[in-house]
Amino acid sequence: MKTIEIAYGEHPSQFGVLRRPEAPGNCPVMVSIHGGFWQSKYGLEENEPLAEDLAKRGFATWNIEYRRIGEEGGVWPGTFHDVVSAVNHLDQLKDTHQLDLSKVVVIGHSAGGHLALLLGSFLNVMDSPLVVPIKGIISLAGVTDLGQMLQIHTEREITSPVTAFLGGSMEELPIASPIELLPLNVEQVLIHGELDRHVPVSLSVDYHRRAEELGDSVRLITLPEADHFMVVDPTSSAWKTVTDSLEGLI
């Protein structure tokens, strides 16, 4: 397996780690977006085990970093612009690394799930900034609804990273929240542990309900024994659910 760190921009956080299986021919691609409530103290290391496992299964994996809260440009919309740029950079890597860009799936955890679903919202808009097509999106314990997440934090009497992410400009919330941008018109899989205390499963349940009402193609899988981090742990019992969900996407 080849592993290489590649910059897609000039900022130190604008890079990704590409893993390429040794198998000949073009590989399908899994874009991995880590969570951490968009905060700079959390990095792509969280998703390295996930990316390595998927590469062993025959996927090229592009585990991306992005500017986060606490870094210049690391709030809305800069963070999202980084994710778009990182995905688009695959177009420059496809020939050298034999990547099949007709088979790209984005998998995001927690705040990474939020960013993955936002990508989906740009697939079918006129003058979309995305140049790489996306076949499907997997949201793992994703922050699907910024408004609901903010309300939960308020009820818990804790400072919400949602406010910091939006830079204090709450009027931007509707265009930064996936549930407000439905339907996405792309295949989506939502996987969420019912024991999740960081991002309650209700976010995925409510998002799934609205997506179905609007005719989107979306699957919801809730895991009664899983917490927030089991869904990104290849050694956990929840991981097979994640890998099984790929069968309907690629």
C-alpha atoms as a PDB file:
ATOM      1  CA  MET A   1       0.000   0.000   0.000  1.00  0.00           C
ATOM      2  CA  LYS A   2       1.326   3.448  -0.950  1.00  0.00           C
ATOM      3  CA  THR A   3       0.788   6.282   1.525  1.00  0.00           C
ATOM      4  CA  ILE A   4       1.597   9.870   0.599  1.00  0.00           C
ATOM      5  CA  GLU A   5       0.796  13.281   2.075  1.00  0.00           C
ATOM      6  CA  ILE A   6      -0.267  15.790  -0.598  1.00  0.00           C
ATOM      7  CA  ALA A   7      -1.024  19.506  -0.287  1.00  0.00           C
ATOM      8  CA  TYR A   8      -4.093  20.881  -2.076  1.00  0.00           C
ATOM      9  CA  GLY A   9      -3.503  24.477  -0.908  1.00  0.00           C
ATOM     10  CA  GLU A  10      -0.922  26.722   0.714  1.00  0.00           C
ATOM     11  CA  HIS A  11      -2.174  26.694   4.325  1.00  0.00           C
ATOM     12  CA  PRO A  12      -0.548  24.031   6.551  1.00  0.00           C
ATOM     13  CA  SER A  13      -3.973  22.457   7.122  1.00  0.00           C
ATOM     14  CA  GLN A  14      -4.774  22.205   3.420  1.00  0.00           C
ATOM     15  CA  PHE A  15      -3.534  18.696   2.730  1.00  0.00           C
ATOM     16  CA  GLY A  16      -4.674  15.113   2.550  1.00  0.00           C
ATOM     17  CA  VAL A  17      -3.220  11.646   3.012  1.00  0.00           C
ATOM     18  CA  LEU A  18      -3.674   9.436  -0.035  1.00  0.00           C
ATOM     19  CA  ARG A  19      -3.540   5.678   0.346  1.00  0.00           C
ATOM     20  CA  ARG A  20      -3.408   3.608  -2.816  1.00  0.00           C
ATOM     21  CA  PRO A  21      -3.715  -0.192  -2.823  1.00  0.00           C
ATOM     22  CA  GLU A  22      -1.056  -2.074  -4.792  1.00  0.00           C
ATOM     23  CA  ALA A  23      -3.704  -3.688  -7.003  1.00  0.00           C
ATOM     24  CA  PRO A  24      -3.411  -2.808 -10.712  1.00  0.00           C
ATOM     25  CA  GLY A  25      -5.967  -0.663 -12.529  1.00  0.00           C
ATOM     26  CA  ASN A  26      -8.010   2.317 -11.454  1.00  0.00           C
ATOM     27  CA  CYS A  27      -9.344   2.245  -7.888  1.00  0.00           C
ATOM     28  CA  PRO A  28     -12.632   3.547  -6.528  1.00  0.00           C
ATOM     29  CA  VAL A  29     -12.074   6.401  -4.092  1.00  0.00           C
ATOM     30  CA  MET A  30     -13.244   7.001  -0.542  1.00  0.00           C
ATOM     31  CA  VAL A  31     -12.899  10.603   0.645  1.00  0.00           C
ATOM     32  CA  SER A  32     -12.668  10.691   4.444  1.00  0.00           C
ATOM     33  CA  ILE A  33     -13.609  13.785   6.467  1.00  0.00           C
ATOM     34  CA  HIS A  34     -12.879  13.751  10.201  1.00  0.00           C
ATOM     35  CA  GLY A  35     -14.930  15.338  12.950  1.00  0.00           C
ATOM     36  CA  GLY A  36     -14.179  17.223  16.143  1.00  0.00           C
ATOM     37  CA  PHE A  37     -16.825  19.965  15.893  1.00  0.00           C
ATOM     38  CA  TRP A  38     -14.633  21.841  13.363  1.00  0.00           C
ATOM     39  CA  GLN A  39     -12.054  22.626  16.102  1.00  0.00           C
ATOM     40  CA  SER A  40      -8.320  22.838  15.377  1.00  0.00           C
ATOM     41  CA  LYS A  41      -7.391  20.601  18.311  1.00  0.00           C
ATOM     42  CA  TYR A  42      -8.846  17.641  16.395  1.00  0.00           C
ATOM     43  CA  GLY A  43      -7.185  16.433  13.219  1.00  0.00           C
ATOM     44  CA  LEU A  44      -7.351  13.787  10.518  1.00  0.00           C
ATOM     45  CA  GLU A  45      -5.535  11.299  12.752  1.00  0.00           C
ATOM     46  CA  GLU A  46      -8.983  10.321  14.031  1.00  0.00           C
ATOM     47  CA  ASN A  47      -9.836   8.825  10.633  1.00  0.00           C
ATOM     48  CA  GLU A  48      -6.471   7.223   9.849  1.00  0.00           C
ATOM     49  CA  PRO A  49      -7.530   3.727  11.056  1.00  0.00           C
ATOM     50  CA  LEU A  50     -10.716   4.024   8.995  1.00  0.00           C
ATOM     51  CA  ALA A  51      -8.792   5.080   5.887  1.00  0.00           C
ATOM     52  CA  GLU A  52      -6.221   2.335   6.300  1.00  0.00           C
ATOM     53  CA  ASP A  53      -8.901  -0.342   6.674  1.00  0.00           C
ATOM     54  CA  LEU A  54     -10.757   0.840   3.569  1.00  0.00           C
ATOM     55  CA  ALA A  55      -7.512   0.883   1.571  1.00  0.00           C
ATOM     56  CA  LYS A  56      -6.931  -2.727   2.536  1.00  0.00           C
ATOM     57  CA  ARG A  57     -10.368  -3.458   1.069  1.00  0.00           C
ATOM     58  CA  GLY A  58      -9.306  -2.126  -2.333  1.00  0.00           C
ATOM     59  CA  PHE A  59     -10.270   1.538  -2.143  1.00  0.00           C
ATOM     60  CA  ALA A  60      -7.970   4.477  -2.679  1.00  0.00           C
ATOM     61  CA  THR A  61      -8.569   6.667   0.376  1.00  0.00           C
ATOM     62  CA  TRP A  62      -8.139  10.439   0.513  1.00  0.00           C
ATOM     63  CA  ASN A  63      -8.184  11.425   4.176  1.00  0.00           C
ATOM     64  CA  ILE A  64      -8.397  15.198   4.150  1.00  0.00           C
ATOM     65  CA  GLU A  65      -7.449  17.931   6.569  1.00  0.00           C
ATOM     66  CA  TYR A  66      -9.001  21.389   6.477  1.00  0.00           C
ATOM     67  CA  ARG A  67      -8.783  24.726   8.240  1.00  0.00           C
ATOM     68  CA  ARG A  68     -10.679  24.635  11.505  1.00  0.00           C
ATOM     69  CA  ILE A  69     -11.851  26.945  14.288  1.00  0.00           C
ATOM     70  CA  GLY A  70      -8.773  28.619  15.718  1.00  0.00           C
ATOM     71  CA  GLU A  71      -6.976  28.828  12.361  1.00  0.00           C
ATOM     72  CA  GLU A  72      -7.110  31.713   9.886  1.00  0.00           C
ATOM     73  CA  GLY A  73     -10.019  31.041   7.534  1.00  0.00           C
ATOM     74  CA  GLY A  74     -11.131  28.113   9.652  1.00  0.00           C
ATOM     75  CA  VAL A  75     -14.781  29.061  10.055  1.00  0.00           C
ATOM     76  CA  TRP A  76     -17.730  29.187   7.692  1.00  0.00           C
ATOM     77  CA  PRO A  77     -17.369  29.336   4.743  1.00  0.00           C
ATOM     78  CA  GLY A  78     -13.584  28.797   4.633  1.00  0.00           C
ATOM     79  CA  THR A  79     -13.750  25.323   6.133  1.00  0.00           C
ATOM     80  CA  PHE A  80     -16.251  24.210   3.523  1.00  0.00           C
ATOM     81  CA  HIS A  81     -14.249  25.789   0.705  1.00  0.00           C
ATOM     82  CA  ASP A  82     -11.298  23.667   1.828  1.00  0.00           C
ATOM     83  CA  VAL A  83     -13.337  20.488   1.621  1.00  0.00           C
ATOM     84  CA  VAL A  84     -14.477  21.369  -1.893  1.00  0.00           C
ATOM     85  CA  SER A  85     -10.885  22.125  -2.923  1.00  0.00           C
ATOM     86  CA  ALA A  86      -9.644  18.868  -1.428  1.00  0.00           C
ATOM     87  CA  VAL A  87     -12.211  16.824  -3.346  1.00  0.00           C
ATOM     88  CA  ASN A  88     -11.530  18.732  -6.563  1.00  0.00           C
ATOM     89  CA  HIS A  89      -7.807  18.046  -6.157  1.00  0.00           C
ATOM     90  CA  LEU A  90      -8.518  14.399  -6.938  1.00  0.00           C
ATOM     91  CA  ASP A  91      -8.868  15.500 -10.555  1.00  0.00           C
ATOM     92  CA  GLN A  92      -5.150  16.369 -10.527  1.00  0.00           C
ATOM     93  CA  LEU A  93      -4.223  13.064  -8.899  1.00  0.00           C
ATOM     94  CA  LYS A  94      -6.339  10.671 -10.949  1.00  0.00           C
ATOM     95  CA  ASP A  95      -3.834   9.838 -13.687  1.00  0.00           C
ATOM     96  CA  THR A  96      -0.684   9.570 -11.582  1.00  0.00           C
ATOM     97  CA  HIS A  97      -2.359   7.434  -8.916  1.00  0.00           C
ATOM     98  CA  GLN A  98      -4.894   5.586 -11.101  1.00  0.00           C
ATOM     99  CA  LEU A  99      -8.051   6.809  -9.426  1.00  0.00           C
ATOM    100  CA  ASP A 100     -11.510   6.008 -10.786  1.00  0.00           C
ATOM    101  CA  LEU A 101     -13.373   9.272 -10.335  1.00  0.00           C
ATOM    102  CA  SER A 102     -16.601   7.727 -11.569  1.00  0.00           C
ATOM    103  CA  LYS A 103     -16.655   5.866  -8.244  1.00  0.00           C
ATOM    104  CA  VAL A 104     -16.158   8.436  -5.484  1.00  0.00           C
ATOM    105  CA  VAL A 105     -17.893   8.126  -2.120  1.00  0.00           C
ATOM    106  CA  VAL A 106     -17.510  10.653   0.705  1.00  0.00           C
ATOM    107  CA  ILE A 107     -17.556   9.353   4.275  1.00  0.00           C
ATOM    108  CA  GLY A 108     -17.666  11.837   7.140  1.00  0.00           C
ATOM    109  CA  HIS A 109     -17.815  11.473  10.911  1.00  0.00           C
ATOM    110  CA  SER A 110     -19.606  13.903  13.218  1.00  0.00           C
ATOM    111  CA  ALA A 111     -18.750  17.412  11.951  1.00  0.00           C
ATOM    112  CA  GLY A 112     -17.178  15.595   9.002  1.00  0.00           C
ATOM    113  CA  GLY A 113     -20.593  14.124   8.292  1.00  0.00           C
ATOM    114  CA  HIS A 114     -21.958  17.652   8.236  1.00  0.00           C
ATOM    115  CA  LEU A 115     -19.319  18.676   5.678  1.00  0.00           C
ATOM    116  CA  ALA A 116     -19.897  15.541   3.595  1.00  0.00           C
ATOM    117  CA  LEU A 117     -23.624  16.221   3.324  1.00  0.00           C
ATOM    118  CA  LEU A 118     -22.949  19.854   2.442  1.00  0.00           C
ATOM    119  CA  LEU A 119     -20.845  18.591  -0.466  1.00  0.00           C
ATOM    120  CA  GLY A 120     -23.859  16.628  -1.644  1.00  0.00           C
ATOM    121  CA  SER A 121     -25.953  19.781  -1.705  1.00  0.00           C
ATOM    122  CA  PHE A 122     -23.626  21.258  -4.337  1.00  0.00           C
ATOM    123  CA  LEU A 123     -23.799  18.347  -6.768  1.00  0.00           C
ATOM    124  CA  ASN A 124     -26.884  19.490  -8.618  1.00  0.00           C
ATOM    125  CA  VAL A 125     -26.681  23.253  -8.478  1.00  0.00           C
ATOM    126  CA  MET A 126     -25.906  25.458 -11.442  1.00  0.00           C
ATOM    127  CA  ASP A 127     -22.260  26.565 -11.563  1.00  0.00           C
ATOM    128  CA  SER A 128     -21.329  24.069  -8.861  1.00  0.00           C
ATOM    129  CA  PRO A 129     -17.767  24.480  -7.561  1.00  0.00           C
ATOM    130  CA  LEU A 130     -17.382  20.701  -7.540  1.00  0.00           C
ATOM    131  CA  VAL A 131     -15.629  19.220 -10.562  1.00  0.00           C
ATOM    132  CA  VAL A 132     -15.468  15.676  -9.205  1.00  0.00           C
ATOM    133  CA  PRO A 133     -18.748  13.723  -9.256  1.00  0.00           C
ATOM    134  CA  ILE A 134     -19.829  11.970  -6.056  1.00  0.00           C
ATOM    135  CA  LYS A 135     -21.744   8.705  -6.169  1.00  0.00           C
ATOM    136  CA  GLY A 136     -22.751   8.599  -2.539  1.00  0.00           C
ATOM    137  CA  ILE A 137     -22.310   9.996   0.951  1.00  0.00           C
ATOM    138  CA  ILE A 138     -21.988   8.129   4.234  1.00  0.00           C
ATOM    139  CA  SER A 139     -22.689  10.194   7.333  1.00  0.00           C
ATOM    140  CA  LEU A 140     -21.368   8.581  10.521  1.00  0.00           C
ATOM    141  CA  ALA A 141     -22.987  10.219  13.552  1.00  0.00           C
ATOM    142  CA  GLY A 142     -23.208  13.341  11.418  1.00  0.00           C
ATOM    143  CA  VAL A 143     -24.199  16.821  12.546  1.00  0.00           C
ATOM    144  CA  THR A 144     -27.067  16.960  10.071  1.00  0.00           C
ATOM    145  CA  ASP A 145     -28.841  19.925  11.645  1.00  0.00           C
ATOM    146  CA  LEU A 146     -26.875  22.885  13.006  1.00  0.00           C
ATOM    147  CA  GLY A 147     -29.961  24.435  14.568  1.00  0.00           C
ATOM    148  CA  GLN A 148     -30.839  21.310  16.535  1.00  0.00           C
ATOM    149  CA  MET A 149     -27.217  20.843  17.597  1.00  0.00           C
ATOM    150  CA  LEU A 150     -27.076  24.423  18.843  1.00  0.00           C
ATOM    151  CA  GLN A 151     -30.300  23.922  20.786  1.00  0.00           C
ATOM    152  CA  ILE A 152     -28.948  20.757  22.426  1.00  0.00           C
ATOM    153  CA  HIS A 153     -25.796  22.563  23.521  1.00  0.00           C
ATOM    154  CA  THR A 154     -27.862  25.463  24.854  1.00  0.00           C
ATOM    155  CA  GLU A 155     -30.027  23.091  26.893  1.00  0.00           C
ATOM    156  CA  ARG A 156     -26.860  21.484  28.285  1.00  0.00           C
ATOM    157  CA  GLU A 157     -25.580  24.965  29.160  1.00  0.00           C
ATOM    158  CA  ILE A 158     -22.351  24.553  27.222  1.00  0.00           C
ATOM    159  CA  THR A 159     -20.757  26.852  24.667  1.00  0.00           C
ATOM    160  CA  SER A 160     -21.636  25.510  21.253  1.00  0.00           C
ATOM    161  CA  PRO A 161     -18.963  25.111  18.551  1.00  0.00           C
ATOM    162  CA  VAL A 162     -21.792  25.795  16.092  1.00  0.00           C
ATOM    163  CA  THR A 163     -21.635  29.480  17.025  1.00  0.00           C
ATOM    164  CA  ALA A 164     -17.856  29.598  16.587  1.00  0.00           C
ATOM    165  CA  PHE A 165     -18.099  27.725  13.283  1.00  0.00           C
ATOM    166  CA  LEU A 166     -20.551  30.285  11.919  1.00  0.00           C
ATOM    167  CA  GLY A 167     -18.335  33.101  13.140  1.00  0.00           C
ATOM    168  CA  GLY A 168     -21.170  34.515  15.195  1.00  0.00           C
ATOM    169  CA  SER A 169     -23.223  35.145  12.053  1.00  0.00           C
ATOM    170  CA  MET A 170     -26.293  33.075  12.863  1.00  0.00           C
ATOM    171  CA  GLU A 171     -28.160  34.306   9.782  1.00  0.00           C
ATOM    172  CA  GLU A 172     -25.817  32.022   7.806  1.00  0.00           C
ATOM    173  CA  LEU A 173     -27.176  28.934   9.578  1.00  0.00           C
ATOM    174  CA  PRO A 174     -29.796  27.937   6.950  1.00  0.00           C
ATOM    175  CA  ILE A 175     -27.252  27.760   4.113  1.00  0.00           C
ATOM    176  CA  ALA A 176     -24.717  25.898   6.277  1.00  0.00           C
ATOM    177  CA  SER A 177     -27.077  23.248   7.682  1.00  0.00           C
ATOM    178  CA  PRO A 178     -27.655  20.085   5.585  1.00  0.00           C
ATOM    179  CA  ILE A 179     -31.239  19.538   6.709  1.00  0.00           C
ATOM    180  CA  GLU A 180     -32.146  22.963   5.293  1.00  0.00           C
ATOM    181  CA  LEU A 181     -30.683  22.060   1.887  1.00  0.00           C
ATOM    182  CA  LEU A 182     -32.663  18.890   1.184  1.00  0.00           C
ATOM    183  CA  PRO A 183     -33.233  17.202  -1.164  1.00  0.00           C
ATOM    184  CA  LEU A 184     -29.613  16.491  -2.114  1.00  0.00           C
ATOM    185  CA  ASN A 185     -30.476  14.161  -4.993  1.00  0.00           C
ATOM    186  CA  VAL A 186     -27.551  11.872  -4.235  1.00  0.00           C
ATOM    187  CA  GLU A 187     -27.478   8.483  -2.497  1.00  0.00           C
ATOM    188  CA  GLN A 188     -27.010   8.912   1.244  1.00  0.00           C
ATOM    189  CA  VAL A 189     -26.450   6.496   4.116  1.00  0.00           C
ATOM    190  CA  LEU A 190     -26.823   7.679   7.721  1.00  0.00           C
ATOM    191  CA  ILE A 191     -25.270   5.456  10.393  1.00  0.00           C
ATOM    192  CA  HIS A 192     -25.706   6.508  14.009  1.00  0.00           C
ATOM    193  CA  GLY A 193     -25.243   4.874  17.398  1.00  0.00           C
ATOM    194  CA  GLU A 194     -28.162   5.141  19.800  1.00  0.00           C
ATOM    195  CA  LEU A 195     -25.727   5.560  22.727  1.00  0.00           C
ATOM    196  CA  ASP A 196     -24.161   8.663  21.165  1.00  0.00           C
ATOM    197  CA  ARG A 197     -23.884  11.446  23.741  1.00  0.00           C
ATOM    198  CA  HIS A 198     -21.940  13.887  21.575  1.00  0.00           C
ATOM    199  CA  VAL A 199     -24.319  14.006  18.595  1.00  0.00           C
ATOM    200  CA  PRO A 200     -27.681  12.478  19.567  1.00  0.00           C
ATOM    201  CA  VAL A 201     -29.207   9.991  17.148  1.00  0.00           C
ATOM    202  CA  SER A 202     -32.276  12.241  16.870  1.00  0.00           C
ATOM    203  CA  LEU A 203     -30.353  14.422  14.397  1.00  0.00           C
ATOM    204  CA  SER A 204     -30.050  11.576  11.897  1.00  0.00           C
ATOM    205  CA  VAL A 205     -33.604  10.369  12.565  1.00  0.00           C
ATOM    206  CA  ASP A 206     -35.102  13.796  11.883  1.00  0.00           C
ATOM    207  CA  TYR A 207     -32.906  14.359   8.844  1.00  0.00           C
ATOM    208  CA  HIS A 208     -33.885  10.967   7.416  1.00  0.00           C
ATOM    209  CA  ARG A 209     -37.576  11.723   7.902  1.00  0.00           C
ATOM    210  CA  ARG A 210     -37.374  15.035   6.079  1.00  0.00           C
ATOM    211  CA  ALA A 211     -35.175  13.631   3.299  1.00  0.00           C
ATOM    212  CA  GLU A 212     -37.672  10.844   2.648  1.00  0.00           C
ATOM    213  CA  GLU A 213     -40.568  13.300   2.636  1.00  0.00           C
ATOM    214  CA  LEU A 214     -38.758  15.256  -0.077  1.00  0.00           C
ATOM    215  CA  GLY A 215     -38.069  12.167  -2.161  1.00  0.00           C
ATOM    216  CA  ASP A 216     -34.350  11.798  -1.484  1.00  0.00           C
ATOM    217  CA  SER A 217     -32.625   8.416  -1.686  1.00  0.00           C
ATOM    218  CA  VAL A 218     -31.482   7.925   1.889  1.00  0.00           C
ATOM    219  CA  ARG A 219     -30.960   5.008   4.238  1.00  0.00           C
ATOM    220  CA  LEU A 220     -30.887   5.243   8.032  1.00  0.00           C
ATOM    221  CA  ILE A 221     -29.147   2.624  10.157  1.00  0.00           C
ATOM    222  CA  THR A 222     -29.280   3.061  13.930  1.00  0.00           C
ATOM    223  CA  LEU A 223     -27.075   0.894  16.132  1.00  0.00           C
ATOM    224  CA  PRO A 224     -28.498   0.211  19.621  1.00  0.00           C
ATOM    225  CA  GLU A 225     -25.144  -0.671  21.216  1.00  0.00           C
ATOM    226  CA  ALA A 226     -22.923   1.933  19.524  1.00  0.00           C
ATOM    227  CA  ASP A 227     -21.607   5.241  20.841  1.00  0.00           C
ATOM    228  CA  HIS A 228     -20.147   8.209  18.980  1.00  0.00           C
ATOM    229  CA  PHE A 229     -16.756   6.734  18.168  1.00  0.00           C
ATOM    230  CA  MET A 230     -17.516   3.085  17.471  1.00  0.00           C
ATOM    231  CA  VAL A 231     -18.716   3.940  13.965  1.00  0.00           C
ATOM    232  CA  VAL A 232     -15.173   5.002  12.967  1.00  0.00           C
ATOM    233  CA  ASP A 233     -13.358   2.201  14.777  1.00  0.00           C
ATOM    234  CA  PRO A 234     -12.478  -0.725  12.476  1.00  0.00           C
ATOM    235  CA  THR A 235     -12.037  -2.966  15.534  1.00  0.00           C
ATOM    236  CA  SER A 236     -15.575  -2.333  16.804  1.00  0.00           C
ATOM    237  CA  SER A 237     -18.725  -4.355  16.186  1.00  0.00           C
ATOM    238  CA  ALA A 238     -20.238  -1.322  14.425  1.00  0.00           C
ATOM    239  CA  TRP A 239     -17.641  -1.207  11.649  1.00  0.00           C
ATOM    240  CA  LYS A 240     -19.119  -4.079   9.629  1.00  0.00           C
ATOM    241  CA  THR A 241     -22.302  -2.037   9.246  1.00  0.00           C
ATOM    242  CA  VAL A 242     -20.225   0.744   7.705  1.00  0.00           C
ATOM    243  CA  THR A 243     -18.394  -1.512   5.253  1.00  0.00           C
ATOM    244  CA  ASP A 244     -21.609  -3.350   4.339  1.00  0.00           C
ATOM    245  CA  SER A 245     -23.239  -0.025   3.432  1.00  0.00           C
ATOM    246  CA  LEU A 246     -20.694   0.463   0.655  1.00  0.00           C
ATOM    247  CA  GLU A 247     -22.245  -2.332  -1.383  1.00  0.00           C
ATOM    248  CA  GLY A 248     -25.146  -0.172  -2.448  1.00  0.00           C
ATOM    249  CA  LEU A 249     -22.991   2.839  -3.309  1.00  0.00           C
ATOM    250  CA  ILE A 250     -20.179   1.500  -5.518  1.00  0.00           C
END
